[in-house]
Amino acid sequence: MIVRVDSAIYFSNSNYVKERILRWLTDEEAVKGDYATRIQFLIVEMSPVTDIDTSGIQAFEELHKSLEKRGVQ
């Protein structure tokens, strides 16, 4: 799965970005039809991000830990 972040990441939106990525992951892994999809890799494309503060860094560290628990690289 590839997710693109298009804006600066700072204290007021860092948790939203993290939670939204986890929600997309959960939605994509839901059972669709007769089979279950399992996401193995997540690419976060952040080339448009011009600024990130310590809250954003912490949110991505928490996201990384959550992904490791799910077995997503």
C-alpha atoms as a PDB file:
ATOM      1  CA  MET A   1       0.000   0.000   0.000  1.00  0.00           C
ATOM      2  CA  ILE A   2       1.274   3.473  -0.849  1.00  0.00           C
ATOM      3  CA  VAL A   3       0.117   6.541   1.079  1.00  0.00           C
ATOM      4  CA  ARG A   4       1.030  10.086   0.085  1.00  0.00           C
ATOM      5  CA  VAL A   5       1.168  12.920   2.626  1.00  0.00           C
ATOM      6  CA  ASP A   6       0.820  16.337   0.958  1.00  0.00           C
ATOM      7  CA  SER A   7       1.235  18.839   3.772  1.00  0.00           C
ATOM      8  CA  ALA A   8       3.450  19.768   6.686  1.00  0.00           C
ATOM      9  CA  ILE A   9       3.161  17.487   9.717  1.00  0.00           C
ATOM     10  CA  TYR A  10       3.028  19.239  13.047  1.00  0.00           C
ATOM     11  CA  PHE A  11       1.377  19.006  16.471  1.00  0.00           C
ATOM     12  CA  SER A  12      -2.159  19.829  15.323  1.00  0.00           C
ATOM     13  CA  ASN A  13      -2.390  17.180  12.579  1.00  0.00           C
ATOM     14  CA  SER A  14       0.240  14.542  13.448  1.00  0.00           C
ATOM     15  CA  ASN A  15      -2.165  12.217  15.275  1.00  0.00           C
ATOM     16  CA  TYR A  16      -4.732  12.581  12.496  1.00  0.00           C
ATOM     17  CA  VAL A  17      -2.157  11.537   9.887  1.00  0.00           C
ATOM     18  CA  LYS A  18      -1.127   8.511  11.970  1.00  0.00           C
ATOM     19  CA  GLU A  19      -4.707   7.416  12.685  1.00  0.00           C
ATOM     20  CA  ARG A  20      -5.784   7.946   9.077  1.00  0.00           C
ATOM     21  CA  ILE A  21      -2.957   5.750   7.770  1.00  0.00           C
ATOM     22  CA  LEU A  22      -3.885   3.004  10.250  1.00  0.00           C
ATOM     23  CA  ARG A  23      -7.560   3.296   9.243  1.00  0.00           C
ATOM     24  CA  TRP A  24      -6.683   2.961   5.537  1.00  0.00           C
ATOM     25  CA  LEU A  25      -4.606  -0.093   6.362  1.00  0.00           C
ATOM     26  CA  THR A  26      -7.466  -1.649   8.332  1.00  0.00           C
ATOM     27  CA  ASP A  27      -9.968  -0.884   5.563  1.00  0.00           C
ATOM     28  CA  GLU A  28      -7.734  -2.460   2.917  1.00  0.00           C
ATOM     29  CA  GLU A  29      -7.177  -5.586   5.022  1.00  0.00           C
ATOM     30  CA  ALA A  30     -10.904  -6.156   5.524  1.00  0.00           C
ATOM     31  CA  VAL A  31     -12.444  -9.257   4.020  1.00  0.00           C
ATOM     32  CA  LYS A  32     -13.548  -8.450   0.487  1.00  0.00           C
ATOM     33  CA  GLY A  33     -15.654 -11.049  -1.224  1.00  0.00           C
ATOM     34  CA  ASP A  34     -14.382 -14.552  -0.605  1.00  0.00           C
ATOM     35  CA  TYR A  35     -10.833 -13.657   0.389  1.00  0.00           C
ATOM     36  CA  ALA A  36      -8.979 -11.614   2.977  1.00  0.00           C
ATOM     37  CA  THR A  37      -6.321  -9.118   1.901  1.00  0.00           C
ATOM     38  CA  ARG A  38      -3.161  -8.814   3.952  1.00  0.00           C
ATOM     39  CA  ILE A  39      -0.959  -5.767   3.501  1.00  0.00           C
ATOM     40  CA  GLN A  40       2.727  -6.677   3.777  1.00  0.00           C
ATOM     41  CA  PHE A  41       4.378  -3.353   2.960  1.00  0.00           C
ATOM     42  CA  LEU A  42       3.486   0.296   3.541  1.00  0.00           C
ATOM     43  CA  ILE A  43       5.202   3.087   1.638  1.00  0.00           C
ATOM     44  CA  VAL A  44       4.645   6.598   2.976  1.00  0.00           C
ATOM     45  CA  GLU A  45       5.500   9.017   0.159  1.00  0.00           C
ATOM     46  CA  MET A  46       6.371  12.361   1.755  1.00  0.00           C
ATOM     47  CA  SER A  47       8.176  14.354  -0.958  1.00  0.00           C
ATOM     48  CA  PRO A  48       5.643  17.244  -0.740  1.00  0.00           C
ATOM     49  CA  VAL A  49       6.150  17.532   3.048  1.00  0.00           C
ATOM     50  CA  THR A  50       8.063  20.751   3.654  1.00  0.00           C
ATOM     51  CA  ASP A  51       8.080  20.696   7.450  1.00  0.00           C
ATOM     52  CA  ILE A  52       7.732  18.204  10.289  1.00  0.00           C
ATOM     53  CA  ASP A  53       8.046  18.944  14.012  1.00  0.00           C
ATOM     54  CA  THR A  54       8.823  16.681  16.964  1.00  0.00           C
ATOM     55  CA  SER A  55       5.142  15.777  17.383  1.00  0.00           C
ATOM     56  CA  GLY A  56       5.099  14.548  13.809  1.00  0.00           C
ATOM     57  CA  ILE A  57       8.257  12.534  14.338  1.00  0.00           C
ATOM     58  CA  GLN A  58       6.769  10.964  17.460  1.00  0.00           C
ATOM     59  CA  ALA A  59       3.551  10.123  15.589  1.00  0.00           C
ATOM     60  CA  PHE A  60       5.552   8.331  12.890  1.00  0.00           C
ATOM     61  CA  GLU A  61       7.533   6.438  15.529  1.00  0.00           C
ATOM     62  CA  GLU A  62       4.235   5.278  17.058  1.00  0.00           C
ATOM     63  CA  LEU A  63       2.964   4.377  13.579  1.00  0.00           C
ATOM     64  CA  HIS A  64       6.102   2.318  12.982  1.00  0.00           C
ATOM     65  CA  LYS A  65       5.581   0.405  16.248  1.00  0.00           C
ATOM     66  CA  SER A  66       1.940  -0.289  15.350  1.00  0.00           C
ATOM     67  CA  LEU A  67       2.958  -1.534  11.927  1.00  0.00           C
ATOM     68  CA  GLU A  68       5.613  -3.820  13.398  1.00  0.00           C
ATOM     69  CA  LYS A  69       2.978  -5.400  15.653  1.00  0.00           C
ATOM     70  CA  ARG A  70       0.850  -6.099  12.561  1.00  0.00           C
ATOM     71  CA  GLY A  71       3.777  -7.536  10.653  1.00  0.00           C
ATOM     72  CA  VAL A  72       3.806  -4.719   8.093  1.00  0.00           C
ATOM     73  CA  GLN A  73       7.158  -3.498   6.833  1.00  0.00           C
END
